[in-house]
Amino acid sequence: MSLAEKTYPVTRTDAEWRSLLTPEQYQVMRAHGTERPGSCALLHEKRRGTFSCVGCGQDLFVSHKKFESGTGWPSFDTPVAGSVEETVDRSWGMVRTEVHCASCGSHLGHVFPDGPPPTGLRYCINGVALAFKPE
């Protein structure tokens, strides 16, 4: 089953997504776009708390799993269990692993095998797809 055919616990019409999200959020989350590196304030968020999906509120990452990757996007080594799903992304002439919200299917970013121990993973996430809830 392809991502487009999957039914998620949170579903909305295109018009509902467009009214809920800013144009930039819509481009990233629903059209698989990417924000400009270094453009999101959450890149520099250092407080303890939880990062959730802007589209549905699903908790995605906790702050102690965030690290500075130098890429210009918020990076994490581990998602909240069951919060994200992965698919193969063959766009832009390369093969990458896309990360999307398991609750609403919104595109979040990509995961790469060049992160720090213990996982060795770098979840490179578009900050506009995230909301931050401080502890």
C-alpha atoms as a PDB file:
ATOM      1  CA  MET A   1       0.000   0.000   0.000  1.00  0.00           C
ATOM      2  CA  SER A   2       1.426   3.388  -0.919  1.00  0.00           C
ATOM      3  CA  LEU A   3       1.482   6.351   1.453  1.00  0.00           C
ATOM      4  CA  ALA A   4      -1.200   8.097  -0.622  1.00  0.00           C
ATOM      5  CA  GLU A   5      -3.552   5.111  -0.233  1.00  0.00           C
ATOM      6  CA  LYS A   6      -3.141   4.702   3.532  1.00  0.00           C
ATOM      7  CA  THR A   7      -5.854   5.877   5.907  1.00  0.00           C
ATOM      8  CA  TYR A   8      -4.566   7.621   9.028  1.00  0.00           C
ATOM      9  CA  PRO A   9      -6.296   8.072  12.404  1.00  0.00           C
ATOM     10  CA  VAL A  10      -6.399  11.846  11.703  1.00  0.00           C
ATOM     11  CA  THR A  11      -7.704  12.688   8.237  1.00  0.00           C
ATOM     12  CA  ARG A  12      -8.647  16.017   6.709  1.00  0.00           C
ATOM     13  CA  THR A  13      -9.708  17.292   3.328  1.00  0.00           C
ATOM     14  CA  ASP A  14      -7.261  19.383   1.329  1.00  0.00           C
ATOM     15  CA  ALA A  15      -9.342  22.471   2.147  1.00  0.00           C
ATOM     16  CA  GLU A  16      -9.155  21.644   5.879  1.00  0.00           C
ATOM     17  CA  TRP A  17      -5.365  21.217   5.686  1.00  0.00           C
ATOM     18  CA  ARG A  18      -5.016  24.537   3.872  1.00  0.00           C
ATOM     19  CA  SER A  19      -7.104  26.343   6.503  1.00  0.00           C
ATOM     20  CA  LEU A  20      -5.205  24.722   9.407  1.00  0.00           C
ATOM     21  CA  LEU A  21      -1.644  25.191   8.132  1.00  0.00           C
ATOM     22  CA  THR A  22       0.289  28.233   6.975  1.00  0.00           C
ATOM     23  CA  PRO A  23       1.275  28.180   3.281  1.00  0.00           C
ATOM     24  CA  GLU A  24       4.835  27.136   4.250  1.00  0.00           C
ATOM     25  CA  GLN A  25       3.572  24.390   6.575  1.00  0.00           C
ATOM     26  CA  TYR A  26       1.240  23.127   3.851  1.00  0.00           C
ATOM     27  CA  GLN A  27       4.074  23.055   1.295  1.00  0.00           C
ATOM     28  CA  VAL A  28       6.301  21.060   3.654  1.00  0.00           C
ATOM     29  CA  MET A  29       3.773  18.778   5.338  1.00  0.00           C
ATOM     30  CA  ARG A  30       1.297  18.034   2.572  1.00  0.00           C
ATOM     31  CA  ALA A  31       3.382  18.636  -0.606  1.00  0.00           C
ATOM     32  CA  HIS A  32       6.631  17.104   0.732  1.00  0.00           C
ATOM     33  CA  GLY A  33       8.576  20.358   0.589  1.00  0.00           C
ATOM     34  CA  THR A  34      11.527  21.513   2.676  1.00  0.00           C
ATOM     35  CA  GLU A  35      11.965  24.720   4.638  1.00  0.00           C
ATOM     36  CA  ARG A  36      15.082  26.826   4.151  1.00  0.00           C
ATOM     37  CA  PRO A  37      17.884  25.615   6.434  1.00  0.00           C
ATOM     38  CA  GLY A  38      18.335  27.769   9.515  1.00  0.00           C
ATOM     39  CA  SER A  39      14.946  29.454   9.076  1.00  0.00           C
ATOM     40  CA  CYS A  40      13.024  27.955  12.007  1.00  0.00           C
ATOM     41  CA  ALA A  41      13.252  29.197  15.587  1.00  0.00           C
ATOM     42  CA  LEU A  42      12.868  25.621  16.866  1.00  0.00           C
ATOM     43  CA  LEU A  43      16.339  24.881  15.514  1.00  0.00           C
ATOM     44  CA  HIS A  44      17.667  26.762  18.554  1.00  0.00           C
ATOM     45  CA  GLU A  45      15.089  25.522  21.107  1.00  0.00           C
ATOM     46  CA  LYS A  46      16.991  24.289  24.179  1.00  0.00           C
ATOM     47  CA  ARG A  47      14.267  23.998  26.846  1.00  0.00           C
ATOM     48  CA  ARG A  48      13.029  20.645  28.108  1.00  0.00           C
ATOM     49  CA  GLY A  49       9.769  19.596  26.531  1.00  0.00           C
ATOM     50  CA  THR A  50       8.111  17.776  23.657  1.00  0.00           C
ATOM     51  CA  PHE A  51       7.994  18.449  19.925  1.00  0.00           C
ATOM     52  CA  SER A  52       4.651  17.521  18.356  1.00  0.00           C
ATOM     53  CA  CYS A  53       3.099  17.447  14.880  1.00  0.00           C
ATOM     54  CA  VAL A  54       1.534  20.772  13.864  1.00  0.00           C
ATOM     55  CA  GLY A  55      -1.039  18.858  11.787  1.00  0.00           C
ATOM     56  CA  CYS A  56      -2.525  16.701  14.530  1.00  0.00           C
ATOM     57  CA  GLY A  57      -0.784  17.260  17.886  1.00  0.00           C
ATOM     58  CA  GLN A  58       0.870  13.811  17.991  1.00  0.00           C
ATOM     59  CA  ASP A  59       3.972  13.871  20.226  1.00  0.00           C
ATOM     60  CA  LEU A  60       6.963  13.106  17.969  1.00  0.00           C
ATOM     61  CA  PHE A  61      10.255  13.871  19.747  1.00  0.00           C
ATOM     62  CA  VAL A  62      11.391  14.753  23.269  1.00  0.00           C
ATOM     63  CA  SER A  63      13.929  17.500  23.842  1.00  0.00           C
ATOM     64  CA  HIS A  64      16.653  15.311  25.371  1.00  0.00           C
ATOM     65  CA  LYS A  65      16.847  13.419  22.041  1.00  0.00           C
ATOM     66  CA  LYS A  66      17.560  16.655  20.110  1.00  0.00           C
ATOM     67  CA  PHE A  67      21.121  17.496  19.059  1.00  0.00           C
ATOM     68  CA  GLU A  68      22.942  20.094  16.980  1.00  0.00           C
ATOM     69  CA  SER A  69      23.759  18.514  13.625  1.00  0.00           C
ATOM     70  CA  GLY A  70      24.997  21.645  11.869  1.00  0.00           C
ATOM     71  CA  THR A  71      22.557  21.030   9.002  1.00  0.00           C
ATOM     72  CA  GLY A  72      20.172  23.928   9.677  1.00  0.00           C
ATOM     73  CA  TRP A  73      17.210  21.734  10.670  1.00  0.00           C
ATOM     74  CA  PRO A  74      16.180  20.398  14.087  1.00  0.00           C
ATOM     75  CA  SER A  75      17.758  16.960  14.484  1.00  0.00           C
ATOM     76  CA  PHE A  76      16.887  14.117  16.843  1.00  0.00           C
ATOM     77  CA  ASP A  77      18.364  10.659  17.393  1.00  0.00           C
ATOM     78  CA  THR A  78      15.125   8.903  18.371  1.00  0.00           C
ATOM     79  CA  PRO A  79      11.393   9.577  17.890  1.00  0.00           C
ATOM     80  CA  VAL A  80       8.691   8.869  20.454  1.00  0.00           C
ATOM     81  CA  ALA A  81       7.841   5.167  20.039  1.00  0.00           C
ATOM     82  CA  GLY A  82       5.199   4.627  17.342  1.00  0.00           C
ATOM     83  CA  SER A  83       4.939   8.327  16.453  1.00  0.00           C
ATOM     84  CA  VAL A  84       6.556   8.293  13.020  1.00  0.00           C
ATOM     85  CA  GLU A  85       6.599   6.025  10.004  1.00  0.00           C
ATOM     86  CA  GLU A  86       9.162   5.778   7.226  1.00  0.00           C
ATOM     87  CA  THR A  87       8.918   5.361   3.447  1.00  0.00           C
ATOM     88  CA  VAL A  88      11.435   5.310   0.603  1.00  0.00           C
ATOM     89  CA  ASP A  89      11.789   8.713  -1.075  1.00  0.00           C
ATOM     90  CA  ARG A  90      13.272   8.593  -4.588  1.00  0.00           C
ATOM     91  CA  SER A  91      12.846  12.316  -5.358  1.00  0.00           C
ATOM     92  CA  TRP A  92      15.699  14.636  -6.325  1.00  0.00           C
ATOM     93  CA  GLY A  93      17.636  11.826  -8.038  1.00  0.00           C
ATOM     94  CA  MET A  94      18.562  10.063  -4.797  1.00  0.00           C
ATOM     95  CA  VAL A  95      17.189   7.465  -2.417  1.00  0.00           C
ATOM     96  CA  ARG A  96      16.389   8.727   1.074  1.00  0.00           C
ATOM     97  CA  THR A  97      14.167   7.592   3.925  1.00  0.00           C
ATOM     98  CA  GLU A  98      11.217   9.943   4.432  1.00  0.00           C
ATOM     99  CA  VAL A  99       9.741  10.384   7.903  1.00  0.00           C
ATOM    100  CA  HIS A 100       6.049  11.170   8.283  1.00  0.00           C
ATOM    101  CA  CYS A 101       3.636  11.430  11.194  1.00  0.00           C
ATOM    102  CA  ALA A 102       2.040   8.075  12.007  1.00  0.00           C
ATOM    103  CA  SER A 103      -1.164   9.810  13.096  1.00  0.00           C
ATOM    104  CA  CYS A 104      -1.908  12.130  10.144  1.00  0.00           C
ATOM    105  CA  GLY A 105       0.630  11.157   7.461  1.00  0.00           C
ATOM    106  CA  SER A 106       2.181  14.623   7.234  1.00  0.00           C
ATOM    107  CA  HIS A 107       5.708  14.822   5.835  1.00  0.00           C
ATOM    108  CA  LEU A 108       8.176  15.757   8.579  1.00  0.00           C
ATOM    109  CA  GLY A 109      11.616  15.288   7.022  1.00  0.00           C
ATOM    110  CA  HIS A 110      14.104  12.459   6.515  1.00  0.00           C
ATOM    111  CA  VAL A 111      16.214  10.105   8.609  1.00  0.00           C
ATOM    112  CA  PHE A 112      19.895   9.496   7.867  1.00  0.00           C
ATOM    113  CA  PRO A 113      22.411   6.964   9.279  1.00  0.00           C
ATOM    114  CA  ASP A 114      24.944   9.626  10.335  1.00  0.00           C
ATOM    115  CA  GLY A 115      23.723  10.579  13.794  1.00  0.00           C
ATOM    116  CA  PRO A 116      25.383  10.259  17.200  1.00  0.00           C
ATOM    117  CA  PRO A 117      25.480   7.159  19.413  1.00  0.00           C
ATOM    118  CA  PRO A 118      23.643   5.259  20.637  1.00  0.00           C
ATOM    119  CA  THR A 119      21.294   5.056  17.617  1.00  0.00           C
ATOM    120  CA  GLY A 120      23.557   6.434  14.894  1.00  0.00           C
ATOM    121  CA  LEU A 121      20.453   8.048  13.384  1.00  0.00           C
ATOM    122  CA  ARG A 122      19.724  11.674  12.514  1.00  0.00           C
ATOM    123  CA  TYR A 123      16.040  12.510  12.154  1.00  0.00           C
ATOM    124  CA  CYS A 124      16.352  15.749  10.177  1.00  0.00           C
ATOM    125  CA  ILE A 125      12.965  17.413  10.702  1.00  0.00           C
ATOM    126  CA  ASN A 126      11.437  20.549   9.189  1.00  0.00           C
ATOM    127  CA  GLY A 127      10.844  22.907  12.103  1.00  0.00           C
ATOM    128  CA  VAL A 128       7.624  24.294  10.585  1.00  0.00           C
ATOM    129  CA  ALA A 129       6.115  20.803  10.973  1.00  0.00           C
ATOM    130  CA  LEU A 130       6.726  20.927  14.723  1.00  0.00           C
ATOM    131  CA  ALA A 131       5.081  22.595  17.697  1.00  0.00           C
ATOM    132  CA  PHE A 132       7.019  22.775  20.961  1.00  0.00           C
ATOM    133  CA  LYS A 133       5.426  22.188  24.355  1.00  0.00           C
ATOM    134  CA  PRO A 134       7.771  23.121  27.227  1.00  0.00           C
ATOM    135  CA  GLU A 135       7.743  20.985  30.389  1.00  0.00           C
END
